[in-house]
Amino acid sequence: QLPAFSYRERMKAGLTGLAQIEGRYNTSPEDKLMLDLMYIESFSIWLDVKLIFRTLTVFFKNDSTAGFEVAAGA
């Protein structure tokens, strides 16, 4: 359903990514795809190291399973 998804499939699966850290359970598939594409475009070993450390912080945050807040009137 999402045309850019085929581009996402070119990247080998890894341990973590922006969608896993920044996304929530109720993040839309389109937003998760956008985060994955942002990760692919800025891929580097240094980014992976930073994301691994950020992944560890997600375990300790109370709001890590909560969704994005919707602004009033949106």
PDB file of N, CA and C in Angstrom:
ATOM      1  N   GLN A   1       0.807  -1.198   0.000  1.00  0.00           N
ATOM      2  CA  GLN A   1       0.000   0.000   0.000  1.00  0.00           C
ATOM      3  C   GLN A   1       0.850   1.262   0.000  1.00  0.00           C
ATOM      4  N   LEU A   2       2.051   1.189   0.555  1.00  0.00           N
ATOM      5  CA  LEU A   2       2.931   2.356   0.635  1.00  0.00           C
ATOM      6  C   LEU A   2       4.038   2.207  -0.414  1.00  0.00           C
ATOM      7  N   PRO A   3       4.042   3.053  -1.446  1.00  0.00           N
ATOM      8  CA  PRO A   3       5.008   2.902  -2.537  1.00  0.00           C
ATOM      9  C   PRO A   3       6.471   2.920  -2.103  1.00  0.00           C
ATOM     10  N   ALA A   4       6.818   3.718  -1.107  1.00  0.00           N
ATOM     11  CA  ALA A   4       8.213   3.829  -0.665  1.00  0.00           C
ATOM     12  C   ALA A   4       8.668   2.629   0.154  1.00  0.00           C
ATOM     13  N   PHE A   5       7.753   1.713   0.477  1.00  0.00           N
ATOM     14  CA  PHE A   5       8.113   0.571   1.307  1.00  0.00           C
ATOM     15  C   PHE A   5       9.160  -0.304   0.622  1.00  0.00           C
ATOM     16  N   SER A   6       9.116  -0.413  -0.709  1.00  0.00           N
ATOM     17  CA  SER A   6      10.092  -1.242  -1.416  1.00  0.00           C
ATOM     18  C   SER A   6      11.513  -0.690  -1.225  1.00  0.00           C
ATOM     19  N   TYR A   7      11.655   0.636  -1.118  1.00  0.00           N
ATOM     20  CA  TYR A   7      12.963   1.235  -0.851  1.00  0.00           C
ATOM     21  C   TYR A   7      13.461   0.822   0.537  1.00  0.00           C
ATOM     22  N   ARG A   8      12.566   0.752   1.492  1.00  0.00           N
ATOM     23  CA  ARG A   8      12.904   0.357   2.864  1.00  0.00           C
ATOM     24  C   ARG A   8      13.428  -1.071   2.902  1.00  0.00           C
ATOM     25  N   GLU A   9      12.905  -1.935   2.052  1.00  0.00           N
ATOM     26  CA  GLU A   9      13.309  -3.343   2.054  1.00  0.00           C
ATOM     27  C   GLU A   9      14.725  -3.563   1.536  1.00  0.00           C
ATOM     28  N   ARG A  10      15.349  -2.553   0.953  1.00  0.00           N
ATOM     29  CA  ARG A  10      16.722  -2.680   0.466  1.00  0.00           C
ATOM     30  C   ARG A  10      17.730  -2.702   1.605  1.00  0.00           C
ATOM     31  N   MET A  11      17.330  -2.185   2.758  1.00  0.00           N
ATOM     32  CA  MET A  11      18.235  -2.107   3.914  1.00  0.00           C
ATOM     33  C   MET A  11      18.131  -3.398   4.713  1.00  0.00           C
ATOM     34  N   LYS A  12      19.269  -3.910   5.107  1.00  0.00           N
ATOM     35  CA  LYS A  12      19.302  -5.118   5.928  1.00  0.00           C
ATOM     36  C   LYS A  12      18.745  -4.812   7.319  1.00  0.00           C
ATOM     37  N   ALA A  13      17.994  -5.722   7.859  1.00  0.00           N
ATOM     38  CA  ALA A  13      17.405  -5.527   9.190  1.00  0.00           C
ATOM     39  C   ALA A  13      18.508  -5.439  10.245  1.00  0.00           C
ATOM     40  N   GLY A  14      18.266  -4.609  11.247  1.00  0.00           N
ATOM     41  CA  GLY A  14      19.249  -4.427  12.304  1.00  0.00           C
ATOM     42  C   GLY A  14      18.632  -4.589  13.678  1.00  0.00           C
ATOM     43  N   LEU A  15      19.377  -4.207  14.684  1.00  0.00           N
ATOM     44  CA  LEU A  15      18.915  -4.330  16.057  1.00  0.00           C
ATOM     45  C   LEU A  15      17.896  -3.269  16.429  1.00  0.00           C
ATOM     46  N   THR A  16      18.068  -2.081  15.898  1.00  0.00           N
ATOM     47  CA  THR A  16      17.219  -0.969  16.275  1.00  0.00           C
ATOM     48  C   THR A  16      17.152   0.023  15.125  1.00  0.00           C
ATOM     49  N   GLY A  17      16.368   1.057  15.305  1.00  0.00           N
ATOM     50  CA  GLY A  17      16.227   2.089  14.291  1.00  0.00           C
ATOM     51  C   GLY A  17      15.411   3.238  14.848  1.00  0.00           C
ATOM     52  N   LEU A  18      15.267   4.290  14.059  1.00  0.00           N
ATOM     53  CA  LEU A  18      14.508   5.447  14.526  1.00  0.00           C
ATOM     54  C   LEU A  18      13.055   5.089  14.810  1.00  0.00           C
ATOM     55  N   ALA A  19      12.455   4.257  13.970  1.00  0.00           N
ATOM     56  CA  ALA A  19      11.050   3.898  14.175  1.00  0.00           C
ATOM     57  C   ALA A  19      10.853   3.153  15.492  1.00  0.00           C
ATOM     58  N   GLN A  20      11.836   2.357  15.876  1.00  0.00           N
ATOM     59  CA  GLN A  20      11.717   1.609  17.126  1.00  0.00           C
ATOM     60  C   GLN A  20      11.917   2.506  18.343  1.00  0.00           C
ATOM     61  N   ILE A  21      12.707   3.555  18.205  1.00  0.00           N
ATOM     62  CA  ILE A  21      12.986   4.435  19.334  1.00  0.00           C
ATOM     63  C   ILE A  21      11.981   5.579  19.416  1.00  0.00           C
ATOM     64  N   GLU A  22      11.730   6.222  18.291  1.00  0.00           N
ATOM     65  CA  GLU A  22      10.855   7.394  18.265  1.00  0.00           C
ATOM     66  C   GLU A  22       9.387   7.030  18.112  1.00  0.00           C
ATOM     67  N   GLY A  23       9.110   5.907  17.493  1.00  0.00           N
ATOM     68  CA  GLY A  23       7.729   5.492  17.282  1.00  0.00           C
ATOM     69  C   GLY A  23       7.116   4.904  18.536  1.00  0.00           C
ATOM     70  N   ARG A  24       5.827   4.854  18.551  1.00  0.00           N
ATOM     71  CA  ARG A  24       5.080   4.271  19.668  1.00  0.00           C
ATOM     72  C   ARG A  24       4.142   3.215  19.098  1.00  0.00           C
ATOM     73  N   TYR A  25       3.402   2.554  19.966  1.00  0.00           N
ATOM     74  CA  TYR A  25       2.486   1.512  19.505  1.00  0.00           C
ATOM     75  C   TYR A  25       1.419   2.044  18.570  1.00  0.00           C
ATOM     76  N   ASN A  26       1.004   3.278  18.779  1.00  0.00           N
ATOM     77  CA  ASN A  26      -0.061   3.813  17.938  1.00  0.00           C
ATOM     78  C   ASN A  26       0.467   4.735  16.832  1.00  0.00           C
ATOM     79  N   THR A  27       1.765   4.677  16.537  1.00  0.00           N
ATOM     80  CA  THR A  27       2.328   5.436  15.425  1.00  0.00           C
ATOM     81  C   THR A  27       1.848   4.798  14.125  1.00  0.00           C
ATOM     82  N   SER A  28       1.418   5.626  13.195  1.00  0.00           N
ATOM     83  CA  SER A  28       0.872   5.101  11.939  1.00  0.00           C
ATOM     84  C   SER A  28       1.966   4.425  11.111  1.00  0.00           C
ATOM     85  N   PRO A  29       1.583   3.482  10.252  1.00  0.00           N
ATOM     86  CA  PRO A  29       2.564   2.833   9.371  1.00  0.00           C
ATOM     87  C   PRO A  29       3.298   3.847   8.489  1.00  0.00           C
ATOM     88  N   GLU A  30       2.603   4.891   8.061  1.00  0.00           N
ATOM     89  CA  GLU A  30       3.250   5.913   7.237  1.00  0.00           C
ATOM     90  C   GLU A  30       4.353   6.625   8.013  1.00  0.00           C
ATOM     91  N   ASP A  31       4.089   6.940   9.277  1.00  0.00           N
ATOM     92  CA  ASP A  31       5.094   7.610  10.103  1.00  0.00           C
ATOM     93  C   ASP A  31       6.274   6.681  10.402  1.00  0.00           C
ATOM     94  N   LYS A  32       6.003   5.413  10.649  1.00  0.00           N
ATOM     95  CA  LYS A  32       7.093   4.456  10.880  1.00  0.00           C
ATOM     96  C   LYS A  32       7.954   4.311   9.627  1.00  0.00           C
ATOM     97  N   LEU A  33       7.302   4.288   8.457  1.00  0.00           N
ATOM     98  CA  LEU A  33       8.047   4.213   7.207  1.00  0.00           C
ATOM     99  C   LEU A  33       8.917   5.449   7.042  1.00  0.00           C
ATOM    100  N   MET A  34       8.374   6.628   7.343  1.00  0.00           N
ATOM    101  CA  MET A  34       9.143   7.866   7.239  1.00  0.00           C
ATOM    102  C   MET A  34      10.375   7.815   8.146  1.00  0.00           C
ATOM    103  N   LEU A  35      10.211   7.333   9.372  1.00  0.00           N
ATOM    104  CA  LEU A  35      11.340   7.213  10.294  1.00  0.00           C
ATOM    105  C   LEU A  35      12.375   6.221   9.766  1.00  0.00           C
ATOM    106  N   ASP A  36      11.917   5.107   9.203  1.00  0.00           N
ATOM    107  CA  ASP A  36      12.839   4.131   8.626  1.00  0.00           C
ATOM    108  C   ASP A  36      13.611   4.727   7.450  1.00  0.00           C
ATOM    109  N   LEU A  37      12.935   5.491   6.614  1.00  0.00           N
ATOM    110  CA  LEU A  37      13.608   6.117   5.471  1.00  0.00           C
ATOM    111  C   LEU A  37      14.609   7.173   5.932  1.00  0.00           C
ATOM    112  N   MET A  38      14.280   7.900   6.993  1.00  0.00           N
ATOM    113  CA  MET A  38      15.229   8.870   7.551  1.00  0.00           C
ATOM    114  C   MET A  38      16.483   8.146   8.057  1.00  0.00           C
ATOM    115  N   TYR A  39      16.284   6.995   8.678  1.00  0.00           N
ATOM    116  CA  TYR A  39      17.409   6.197   9.162  1.00  0.00           C
ATOM    117  C   TYR A  39      18.281   5.731   7.996  1.00  0.00           C
ATOM    118  N   ILE A  40      17.655   5.243   6.943  1.00  0.00           N
ATOM    119  CA  ILE A  40      18.397   4.750   5.782  1.00  0.00           C
ATOM    120  C   ILE A  40      19.212   5.868   5.142  1.00  0.00           C
ATOM    121  N   GLU A  41      18.618   7.049   5.026  1.00  0.00           N
ATOM    122  CA  GLU A  41      19.308   8.170   4.390  1.00  0.00           C
ATOM    123  C   GLU A  41      20.501   8.671   5.205  1.00  0.00           C
ATOM    124  N   SER A  42      20.470   8.507   6.514  1.00  0.00           N
ATOM    125  CA  SER A  42      21.564   9.011   7.350  1.00  0.00           C
ATOM    126  C   SER A  42      22.359   7.887   8.004  1.00  0.00           C
ATOM    127  N   PHE A  43      22.309   6.695   7.425  1.00  0.00           N
ATOM    128  CA  PHE A  43      22.962   5.518   7.998  1.00  0.00           C
ATOM    129  C   PHE A  43      24.461   5.721   8.173  1.00  0.00           C
ATOM    130  N   SER A  44      24.950   5.331   9.343  1.00  0.00           N
ATOM    131  CA  SER A  44      26.383   5.278   9.629  1.00  0.00           C
ATOM    132  C   SER A  44      26.580   4.403  10.866  1.00  0.00           C
ATOM    133  N   ILE A  45      27.778   3.939  11.047  1.00  0.00           N
ATOM    134  CA  ILE A  45      28.082   3.136  12.234  1.00  0.00           C
ATOM    135  C   ILE A  45      27.902   3.983  13.485  1.00  0.00           C
ATOM    136  N   TRP A  46      28.320   5.247  13.426  1.00  0.00           N
ATOM    137  CA  TRP A  46      28.181   6.143  14.573  1.00  0.00           C
ATOM    138  C   TRP A  46      26.713   6.316  14.947  1.00  0.00           C
ATOM    139  N   LEU A  47      25.831   6.464  13.945  1.00  0.00           N
ATOM    140  CA  LEU A  47      24.396   6.579  14.217  1.00  0.00           C
ATOM    141  C   LEU A  47      23.891   5.309  14.901  1.00  0.00           C
ATOM    142  N   ASP A  48      24.346   4.147  14.441  1.00  0.00           N
ATOM    143  CA  ASP A  48      23.932   2.897  15.083  1.00  0.00           C
ATOM    144  C   ASP A  48      24.364   2.838  16.543  1.00  0.00           C
ATOM    145  N   VAL A  49      25.567   3.287  16.827  1.00  0.00           N
ATOM    146  CA  VAL A  49      26.050   3.293  18.213  1.00  0.00           C
ATOM    147  C   VAL A  49      25.167   4.203  19.072  1.00  0.00           C
ATOM    148  N   LYS A  50      24.863   5.392  18.551  1.00  0.00           N
ATOM    149  CA  LYS A  50      23.994   6.318  19.298  1.00  0.00           C
ATOM    150  C   LYS A  50      22.604   5.719  19.507  1.00  0.00           C
ATOM    151  N   LEU A  51      22.069   5.054  18.489  1.00  0.00           N
ATOM    152  CA  LEU A  51      20.733   4.469  18.610  1.00  0.00           C
ATOM    153  C   LEU A  51      20.706   3.321  19.610  1.00  0.00           C
ATOM    154  N   ILE A  52      21.780   2.569  19.682  1.00  0.00           N
ATOM    155  CA  ILE A  52      21.832   1.478  20.664  1.00  0.00           C
ATOM    156  C   ILE A  52      21.769   2.059  22.077  1.00  0.00           C
ATOM    157  N   PHE A  53      22.507   3.142  22.331  1.00  0.00           N
ATOM    158  CA  PHE A  53      22.443   3.769  23.648  1.00  0.00           C
ATOM    159  C   PHE A  53      21.073   4.369  23.914  1.00  0.00           C
ATOM    160  N   ARG A  54      20.473   4.962  22.895  1.00  0.00           N
ATOM    161  CA  ARG A  54      19.127   5.523  23.067  1.00  0.00           C
ATOM    162  C   ARG A  54      18.103   4.415  23.302  1.00  0.00           C
ATOM    163  N   THR A  55      18.320   3.243  22.705  1.00  0.00           N
ATOM    164  CA  THR A  55      17.426   2.114  22.926  1.00  0.00           C
ATOM    165  C   THR A  55      17.416   1.725  24.397  1.00  0.00           C
ATOM    166  N   LEU A  56      18.578   1.749  25.012  1.00  0.00           N
ATOM    167  CA  LEU A  56      18.662   1.414  26.435  1.00  0.00           C
ATOM    168  C   LEU A  56      17.847   2.374  27.286  1.00  0.00           C
ATOM    169  N   THR A  57      17.810   3.652  26.915  1.00  0.00           N
ATOM    170  CA  THR A  57      17.053   4.618  27.705  1.00  0.00           C
ATOM    171  C   THR A  57      15.542   4.391  27.570  1.00  0.00           C
ATOM    172  N   VAL A  58      15.104   3.836  26.459  1.00  0.00           N
ATOM    173  CA  VAL A  58      13.673   3.577  26.265  1.00  0.00           C
ATOM    174  C   VAL A  58      13.150   2.599  27.317  1.00  0.00           C
ATOM    175  N   PHE A  59      13.991   1.666  27.723  1.00  0.00           N
ATOM    176  CA  PHE A  59      13.572   0.691  28.734  1.00  0.00           C
ATOM    177  C   PHE A  59      13.225   1.336  30.066  1.00  0.00           C
ATOM    178  N   PHE A  60      13.823   2.474  30.347  1.00  0.00           N
ATOM    179  CA  PHE A  60      13.649   3.102  31.643  1.00  0.00           C
ATOM    180  C   PHE A  60      12.689   4.285  31.644  1.00  0.00           C
ATOM    181  N   LYS A  61      12.138   4.628  30.484  1.00  0.00           N
ATOM    182  CA  LYS A  61      11.205   5.744  30.405  1.00  0.00           C
ATOM    183  C   LYS A  61       9.774   5.251  30.624  1.00  0.00           C
ATOM    184  N   ASN A  62       9.026   5.973  31.449  1.00  0.00           N
ATOM    185  CA  ASN A  62       7.643   5.588  31.718  1.00  0.00           C
ATOM    186  C   ASN A  62       6.752   5.737  30.497  1.00  0.00           C
ATOM    187  N   ASP A  63       7.039   6.717  29.656  1.00  0.00           N
ATOM    188  CA  ASP A  63       6.172   6.983  28.522  1.00  0.00           C
ATOM    189  C   ASP A  63       6.619   6.274  27.238  1.00  0.00           C
ATOM    190  N   SER A  64       7.508   5.308  27.334  1.00  0.00           N
ATOM    191  CA  SER A  64       8.032   4.679  26.125  1.00  0.00           C
ATOM    192  C   SER A  64       6.989   3.872  25.372  1.00  0.00           C
ATOM    193  N   THR A  65       5.897   3.505  26.022  1.00  0.00           N
ATOM    194  CA  THR A  65       4.844   2.764  25.318  1.00  0.00           C
ATOM    195  C   THR A  65       3.641   3.635  24.999  1.00  0.00           C
ATOM    196  N   ALA A  66       3.705   4.888  25.367  1.00  0.00           N
ATOM    197  CA  ALA A  66       2.587   5.792  25.099  1.00  0.00           C
ATOM    198  C   ALA A  66       2.662   6.307  23.675  1.00  0.00           C
ATOM    199  N   GLY A  67       1.546   6.794  23.179  1.00  0.00           N
ATOM    200  CA  GLY A  67       1.506   7.329  21.826  1.00  0.00           C
ATOM    201  C   GLY A  67       1.850   8.801  21.794  1.00  0.00           C
ATOM    202  N   PHE A  68       1.971   9.348  20.594  1.00  0.00           N
ATOM    203  CA  PHE A  68       2.197  10.773  20.440  1.00  0.00           C
ATOM    204  C   PHE A  68       0.943  11.509  20.867  1.00  0.00           C
ATOM    205  N   GLU A  69       1.115  12.646  21.503  1.00  0.00           N
ATOM    206  CA  GLU A  69      -0.047  13.440  21.911  1.00  0.00           C
ATOM    207  C   GLU A  69      -0.548  14.239  20.722  1.00  0.00           C
ATOM    208  N   VAL A  70      -1.843  14.313  20.594  1.00  0.00           N
ATOM    209  CA  VAL A  70      -2.456  15.065  19.499  1.00  0.00           C
ATOM    210  C   VAL A  70      -2.755  16.461  19.998  1.00  0.00           C
ATOM    211  N   ALA A  71      -2.363  17.466  19.226  1.00  0.00           N
ATOM    212  CA  ALA A  71      -2.628  18.855  19.606  1.00  0.00           C
ATOM    213  C   ALA A  71      -4.120  19.123  19.563  1.00  0.00           C
ATOM    214  N   ALA A  72      -4.578  19.992  20.424  1.00  0.00           N
ATOM    215  CA  ALA A  72      -6.003  20.331  20.476  1.00  0.00           C
ATOM    216  C   ALA A  72      -6.426  20.930  19.142  1.00  0.00           C
ATOM    217  N   GLY A  73      -7.557  20.489  18.645  1.00  0.00           N
ATOM    218  CA  GLY A  73      -8.089  20.989  17.389  1.00  0.00           C
ATOM    219  C   GLY A  73      -7.528  20.284  16.165  1.00  0.00           C
ATOM    220  N   ALA A  74      -6.683  19.280  16.361  1.00  0.00           N
ATOM    221  CA  ALA A  74      -6.101  18.580  15.218  1.00  0.00           C
ATOM    222  C   ALA A  74      -6.982  17.452  14.761  1.00  0.00           C
TER     223      ALA A  74
END
